[in-house]
Each structure stands twice: as structure tokens, then as C-alpha cells.
Amino acid sequence: MQPLAIVVMGVSGCGKSTVGDLLARRLEVDFLDADDLHPAANKAKMAAGTPLVDEDRWPWLGLVGAAMKAETDGGRSIVVACSALRRVYRDALREAAAGPVFFVHLHGTKELLADRLGHREGHFMPTTLLDSQLETLEPLQDDEAGIVLDIALRPEELVEAAVAALPPVR
């Protein structure tokens, strides 16, 4: 059984960090919130309501991929909360991880996402960037290992559905 990198993905407000942390606890593996790896300039840009462009994202995705690879090279699976909105970003993560990656795409209606963002405190991502994230989002494709889950479910239900869909995890 090979270690697995599990990426909980989706737009801001979908619950990546909450579900990712719960999933990591359930699987007894480490959890990484990719937001923690954003450079200060990226966070400041988003906080000011300016969407990131690919030139902002590539170095950050490299750091996320390197963290995934370090864990799996050490024989450990890992759960990462990372937006991974476009196929090319997911491809970059898969390439950097140099091993199997499974995506858990948390998906919900724009209204539910906006409501969640409107009630969130202390986060650098403003509600005004939701539209740009939804425009950027490319759903998982048939050749990508993963599952799409509806965020209308409770976090615990999302974790159980993710666990049921995962290959065996070391």
C-alpha cells in the first residue's frame, strides 16, 4: 500500500479546512492547510479584493506539492486543503507529489458559499472574490482520481463519504 496525498479542494467557503482537518484526524494522518503556505504578497492581494493570477499561484502550488511529496516520500499519507481550482493546478500538484493524489471536491451553490463567506471572521479571502473563484473552477475530469461532494451535508457526513471513496490509506 502506497502513501496517498488527499487534496480537499474547492472555492473559498466550501469547508476545505474544516473537512480536511476532520478527514486527517479520521485517517490519523497529518493535515496541511495550503493557505498557510501563501506568501504574504498573495494574502495581501486577496485581502484587497484582487484575484490571484497564475504567476501568483505557481510558486505557491510548488510549495504545496513539495510538502505533499515530503510526507509521501517519508511513507506517510497526508490531507491537504487546497483550492486546486483548475486542471493545470491539479496536474502540477500531481506532478510535484510524484505519487498518487486523490481529490475530494467540495461543491455547493453560490448562495450557500456566499452565506458561509459572509459569516466567516478573520480570513484574508473576501466574499467579493467568490465570483472569480467560481469562474476559475474546473470540475474534476473523468481521468482524475477523486469524488465530488455536496457541501449541504454536515462536515462529518462529508468525511464519511470521502473515506468510503478513498483507496486504502497508509
C-alpha atoms as a PDB file:
ATOM      1  CA  MET A   1       0.000   0.000   0.000  1.00  0.00           C
ATOM      2  CA  GLN A   2       1.483   3.314  -1.155  1.00  0.00           C
ATOM      3  CA  PRO A   3       1.095   6.563   0.809  1.00  0.00           C
ATOM      4  CA  LEU A   4      -1.594   8.842  -0.613  1.00  0.00           C
ATOM      5  CA  ALA A   5      -1.876  12.614  -0.886  1.00  0.00           C
ATOM      6  CA  ILE A   6      -5.519  13.625  -0.433  1.00  0.00           C
ATOM      7  CA  VAL A   7      -6.422  17.130  -1.577  1.00  0.00           C
ATOM      8  CA  VAL A   8      -9.676  18.606  -0.268  1.00  0.00           C
ATOM      9  CA  MET A   9     -10.430  21.177  -2.957  1.00  0.00           C
ATOM     10  CA  GLY A  10     -12.951  23.817  -3.926  1.00  0.00           C
ATOM     11  CA  VAL A  11     -13.649  27.517  -3.816  1.00  0.00           C
ATOM     12  CA  SER A  12     -13.320  29.661  -0.723  1.00  0.00           C
ATOM     13  CA  GLY A  13     -16.020  28.989   1.847  1.00  0.00           C
ATOM     14  CA  CYS A  14     -16.708  25.380   0.836  1.00  0.00           C
ATOM     15  CA  GLY A  15     -15.219  23.970   4.047  1.00  0.00           C
ATOM     16  CA  LYS A  16     -11.850  22.694   2.830  1.00  0.00           C
ATOM     17  CA  SER A  17     -10.039  23.403   6.091  1.00  0.00           C
ATOM     18  CA  THR A  18     -12.779  22.038   8.337  1.00  0.00           C
ATOM     19  CA  VAL A  19     -13.364  18.878   6.319  1.00  0.00           C
ATOM     20  CA  GLY A  20      -9.659  18.407   5.630  1.00  0.00           C
ATOM     21  CA  ASP A  21      -8.773  18.584   9.312  1.00  0.00           C
ATOM     22  CA  LEU A  22     -11.576  16.182  10.255  1.00  0.00           C
ATOM     23  CA  LEU A  23     -10.582  13.788   7.474  1.00  0.00           C
ATOM     24  CA  ALA A  24      -6.933  13.812   8.550  1.00  0.00           C
ATOM     25  CA  ARG A  25      -7.960  13.085  12.133  1.00  0.00           C
ATOM     26  CA  ARG A  26     -10.220  10.247  10.970  1.00  0.00           C
ATOM     27  CA  LEU A  27      -7.394   8.734   8.900  1.00  0.00           C
ATOM     28  CA  GLU A  28      -4.773   9.503  11.573  1.00  0.00           C
ATOM     29  CA  VAL A  29      -2.515  11.357   9.133  1.00  0.00           C
ATOM     30  CA  ASP A  30      -1.087  14.874   9.014  1.00  0.00           C
ATOM     31  CA  PHE A  31      -3.127  17.829   7.785  1.00  0.00           C
ATOM     32  CA  LEU A  32      -1.816  20.851   5.885  1.00  0.00           C
ATOM     33  CA  ASP A  33      -3.823  23.946   5.061  1.00  0.00           C
ATOM     34  CA  ALA A  34      -2.270  25.233   1.830  1.00  0.00           C
ATOM     35  CA  ASP A  35      -3.387  28.770   2.734  1.00  0.00           C
ATOM     36  CA  ASP A  36      -0.619  28.709   5.345  1.00  0.00           C
ATOM     37  CA  LEU A  37       1.933  28.454   2.525  1.00  0.00           C
ATOM     38  CA  HIS A  38       0.714  31.521   0.616  1.00  0.00           C
ATOM     39  CA  PRO A  39       3.326  34.255   0.652  1.00  0.00           C
ATOM     40  CA  ALA A  40       2.323  37.484   2.374  1.00  0.00           C
ATOM     41  CA  ALA A  41       2.022  39.231  -1.004  1.00  0.00           C
ATOM     42  CA  ASN A  42      -0.630  36.745  -2.166  1.00  0.00           C
ATOM     43  CA  LYS A  43      -2.611  37.133   1.048  1.00  0.00           C
ATOM     44  CA  ALA A  44      -2.421  40.930   0.829  1.00  0.00           C
ATOM     45  CA  LYS A  45      -3.546  40.861  -2.789  1.00  0.00           C
ATOM     46  CA  MET A  46      -6.583  38.693  -1.978  1.00  0.00           C
ATOM     47  CA  ALA A  47      -7.419  40.686   1.149  1.00  0.00           C
ATOM     48  CA  ALA A  48      -7.528  43.787  -1.062  1.00  0.00           C
ATOM     49  CA  GLY A  49     -10.087  42.041  -3.280  1.00  0.00           C
ATOM     50  CA  THR A  50      -7.729  41.342  -6.169  1.00  0.00           C
ATOM     51  CA  PRO A  51      -7.856  37.803  -7.596  1.00  0.00           C
ATOM     52  CA  LEU A  52      -4.594  35.931  -7.921  1.00  0.00           C
ATOM     53  CA  VAL A  53      -3.231  35.238 -11.380  1.00  0.00           C
ATOM     54  CA  ASP A  54      -1.286  32.158 -12.407  1.00  0.00           C
ATOM     55  CA  GLU A  55       2.049  33.902 -11.825  1.00  0.00           C
ATOM     56  CA  ASP A  56       0.993  34.306  -8.173  1.00  0.00           C
ATOM     57  CA  ARG A  57      -0.143  30.697  -7.887  1.00  0.00           C
ATOM     58  CA  TRP A  58       2.706  28.694  -9.439  1.00  0.00           C
ATOM     59  CA  PRO A  59       5.292  29.262  -6.673  1.00  0.00           C
ATOM     60  CA  TRP A  60       2.615  28.569  -4.032  1.00  0.00           C
ATOM     61  CA  LEU A  61       1.494  25.365  -5.765  1.00  0.00           C
ATOM     62  CA  GLY A  62       5.147  24.312  -5.882  1.00  0.00           C
ATOM     63  CA  LEU A  63       5.374  24.671  -2.107  1.00  0.00           C
ATOM     64  CA  VAL A  64       2.156  22.706  -1.618  1.00  0.00           C
ATOM     65  CA  GLY A  65       3.343  19.926  -3.927  1.00  0.00           C
ATOM     66  CA  ALA A  66       6.740  19.773  -2.192  1.00  0.00           C
ATOM     67  CA  ALA A  67       5.036  19.419   1.195  1.00  0.00           C
ATOM     68  CA  MET A  68       2.891  16.575  -0.151  1.00  0.00           C
ATOM     69  CA  LYS A  69       5.948  14.844  -1.604  1.00  0.00           C
ATOM     70  CA  ALA A  70       7.916  15.170   1.630  1.00  0.00           C
ATOM     71  CA  GLU A  71       5.156  13.356   3.530  1.00  0.00           C
ATOM     72  CA  THR A  72       4.585  10.595   0.991  1.00  0.00           C
ATOM     73  CA  ASP A  73       8.346  10.103   0.440  1.00  0.00           C
ATOM     74  CA  GLY A  74       8.522   9.528   4.187  1.00  0.00           C
ATOM     75  CA  GLY A  75       5.933   6.760   3.885  1.00  0.00           C
ATOM     76  CA  ARG A  76       3.056   8.818   5.269  1.00  0.00           C
ATOM     77  CA  SER A  77      -0.241   9.854   3.718  1.00  0.00           C
ATOM     78  CA  ILE A  78      -1.353  13.462   4.078  1.00  0.00           C
ATOM     79  CA  VAL A  79      -4.550  15.507   3.743  1.00  0.00           C
ATOM     80  CA  VAL A  80      -4.159  18.966   2.202  1.00  0.00           C
ATOM     81  CA  ALA A  81      -6.795  21.699   1.979  1.00  0.00           C
ATOM     82  CA  CYS A  82      -6.054  23.479  -1.311  1.00  0.00           C
ATOM     83  CA  SER A  83      -8.347  25.253  -3.753  1.00  0.00           C
ATOM     84  CA  ALA A  84      -6.856  23.424  -6.791  1.00  0.00           C
ATOM     85  CA  LEU A  85      -9.461  25.158  -8.949  1.00  0.00           C
ATOM     86  CA  ARG A  86      -8.071  24.420 -12.414  1.00  0.00           C
ATOM     87  CA  ARG A  87      -6.981  21.172 -14.021  1.00  0.00           C
ATOM     88  CA  VAL A  88      -3.486  22.563 -14.670  1.00  0.00           C
ATOM     89  CA  TYR A  89      -3.121  23.325 -10.941  1.00  0.00           C
ATOM     90  CA  ARG A  90      -4.167  19.781 -10.065  1.00  0.00           C
ATOM     91  CA  ASP A  91      -1.756  18.439 -12.697  1.00  0.00           C
ATOM     92  CA  ALA A  92       1.040  20.493 -11.103  1.00  0.00           C
ATOM     93  CA  LEU A  93       0.187  19.081  -7.666  1.00  0.00           C
ATOM     94  CA  ARG A  94       0.139  15.520  -9.023  1.00  0.00           C
ATOM     95  CA  GLU A  95       3.479  16.035 -10.740  1.00  0.00           C
ATOM     96  CA  ALA A  96       5.090  17.564  -7.646  1.00  0.00           C
ATOM     97  CA  ALA A  97       3.694  14.870  -5.366  1.00  0.00           C
ATOM     98  CA  ALA A  98       5.263  12.188  -7.583  1.00  0.00           C
ATOM     99  CA  GLY A  99       2.757   9.660  -6.304  1.00  0.00           C
ATOM    100  CA  PRO A 100      -0.957   9.044  -6.097  1.00  0.00           C
ATOM    101  CA  VAL A 101      -3.199  12.034  -5.378  1.00  0.00           C
ATOM    102  CA  PHE A 102      -6.934  11.781  -4.648  1.00  0.00           C
ATOM    103  CA  PHE A 103      -9.133  14.887  -4.847  1.00  0.00           C
ATOM    104  CA  VAL A 104     -12.169  15.500  -2.648  1.00  0.00           C
ATOM    105  CA  HIS A 105     -14.017  18.332  -4.385  1.00  0.00           C
ATOM    106  CA  LEU A 106     -16.394  20.134  -2.039  1.00  0.00           C
ATOM    107  CA  HIS A 107     -19.089  21.683  -4.214  1.00  0.00           C
ATOM    108  CA  GLY A 108     -22.063  23.877  -3.326  1.00  0.00           C
ATOM    109  CA  THR A 109     -24.417  26.516  -4.586  1.00  0.00           C
ATOM    110  CA  LYS A 110     -23.224  30.093  -4.961  1.00  0.00           C
ATOM    111  CA  GLU A 111     -25.851  31.173  -2.405  1.00  0.00           C
ATOM    112  CA  LEU A 112     -24.613  28.732   0.248  1.00  0.00           C
ATOM    113  CA  LEU A 113     -20.986  29.628  -0.390  1.00  0.00           C
ATOM    114  CA  ALA A 114     -21.720  33.381  -0.179  1.00  0.00           C
ATOM    115  CA  ASP A 115     -23.629  32.854   3.059  1.00  0.00           C
ATOM    116  CA  ARG A 116     -20.716  30.955   4.595  1.00  0.00           C
ATOM    117  CA  LEU A 117     -18.199  33.571   3.484  1.00  0.00           C
ATOM    118  CA  GLY A 118     -20.404  36.313   4.887  1.00  0.00           C
ATOM    119  CA  HIS A 119     -20.292  34.691   8.330  1.00  0.00           C
ATOM    120  CA  ARG A 120     -16.583  33.862   8.351  1.00  0.00           C
ATOM    121  CA  GLU A 121     -14.329  36.020  10.505  1.00  0.00           C
ATOM    122  CA  GLY A 122     -10.599  36.599  10.428  1.00  0.00           C
ATOM    123  CA  HIS A 123      -9.885  35.190   6.949  1.00  0.00           C
ATOM    124  CA  PHE A 124      -7.995  37.060   4.236  1.00  0.00           C
ATOM    125  CA  MET A 125     -10.360  35.984   1.418  1.00  0.00           C
ATOM    126  CA  PRO A 126     -13.259  38.432   0.986  1.00  0.00           C
ATOM    127  CA  THR A 127     -16.700  37.439  -0.306  1.00  0.00           C
ATOM    128  CA  THR A 128     -16.130  39.672  -3.326  1.00  0.00           C
ATOM    129  CA  LEU A 129     -13.693  37.119  -4.800  1.00  0.00           C
ATOM    130  CA  LEU A 130     -16.261  34.293  -4.866  1.00  0.00           C
ATOM    131  CA  ASP A 131     -17.370  35.055  -8.426  1.00  0.00           C
ATOM    132  CA  SER A 132     -13.796  34.970  -9.740  1.00  0.00           C
ATOM    133  CA  GLN A 133     -13.184  31.664  -7.995  1.00  0.00           C
ATOM    134  CA  LEU A 134     -16.364  30.145  -9.417  1.00  0.00           C
ATOM    135  CA  GLU A 135     -15.353  31.360 -12.893  1.00  0.00           C
ATOM    136  CA  THR A 136     -11.906  29.784 -12.487  1.00  0.00           C
ATOM    137  CA  LEU A 137     -13.195  26.453 -11.138  1.00  0.00           C
ATOM    138  CA  GLU A 138     -12.846  23.494 -13.492  1.00  0.00           C
ATOM    139  CA  PRO A 139     -14.640  20.377 -12.215  1.00  0.00           C
ATOM    140  CA  LEU A 140     -12.748  17.128 -11.796  1.00  0.00           C
ATOM    141  CA  GLN A 141     -12.445  15.264 -15.068  1.00  0.00           C
ATOM    142  CA  ASP A 142     -13.132  11.571 -15.595  1.00  0.00           C
ATOM    143  CA  ASP A 143      -9.426  10.703 -15.620  1.00  0.00           C
ATOM    144  CA  GLU A 144      -8.773  12.391 -12.243  1.00  0.00           C
ATOM    145  CA  ALA A 145      -8.946  10.250  -9.114  1.00  0.00           C
ATOM    146  CA  GLY A 146     -11.487  11.858  -6.839  1.00  0.00           C
ATOM    147  CA  ILE A 147     -15.025  12.462  -5.717  1.00  0.00           C
ATOM    148  CA  VAL A 148     -17.379  15.461  -5.734  1.00  0.00           C
ATOM    149  CA  LEU A 149     -19.342  16.020  -2.518  1.00  0.00           C
ATOM    150  CA  ASP A 150     -22.218  18.403  -1.779  1.00  0.00           C
ATOM    151  CA  ILE A 151     -21.408  20.874   0.996  1.00  0.00           C
ATOM    152  CA  ALA A 152     -25.048  20.890   2.057  1.00  0.00           C
ATOM    153  CA  LEU A 153     -24.039  17.780   4.027  1.00  0.00           C
ATOM    154  CA  ARG A 154     -22.620  18.152   7.534  1.00  0.00           C
ATOM    155  CA  PRO A 155     -18.805  18.033   7.764  1.00  0.00           C
ATOM    156  CA  GLU A 156     -18.926  14.629   9.467  1.00  0.00           C
ATOM    157  CA  GLU A 157     -21.051  13.266   6.616  1.00  0.00           C
ATOM    158  CA  LEU A 158     -18.609  14.659   4.071  1.00  0.00           C
ATOM    159  CA  VAL A 159     -15.735  12.929   5.865  1.00  0.00           C
ATOM    160  CA  GLU A 160     -17.560   9.593   5.864  1.00  0.00           C
ATOM    161  CA  ALA A 161     -18.352   9.914   2.156  1.00  0.00           C
ATOM    162  CA  ALA A 162     -14.719  10.790   1.411  1.00  0.00           C
ATOM    163  CA  VAL A 163     -13.410   7.839   3.438  1.00  0.00           C
ATOM    164  CA  ALA A 164     -15.799   5.496   1.602  1.00  0.00           C
ATOM    165  CA  ALA A 165     -14.467   6.717  -1.768  1.00  0.00           C
ATOM    166  CA  LEU A 166     -10.741   6.619  -0.904  1.00  0.00           C
ATOM    167  CA  PRO A 167      -8.417   3.810  -1.855  1.00  0.00           C
ATOM    168  CA  PRO A 168      -6.730   2.181   1.180  1.00  0.00           C
ATOM    169  CA  VAL A 169      -4.662   4.769   3.054  1.00  0.00           C
ATOM    170  CA  ARG A 170      -1.411   4.111   4.873  1.00  0.00           C
END
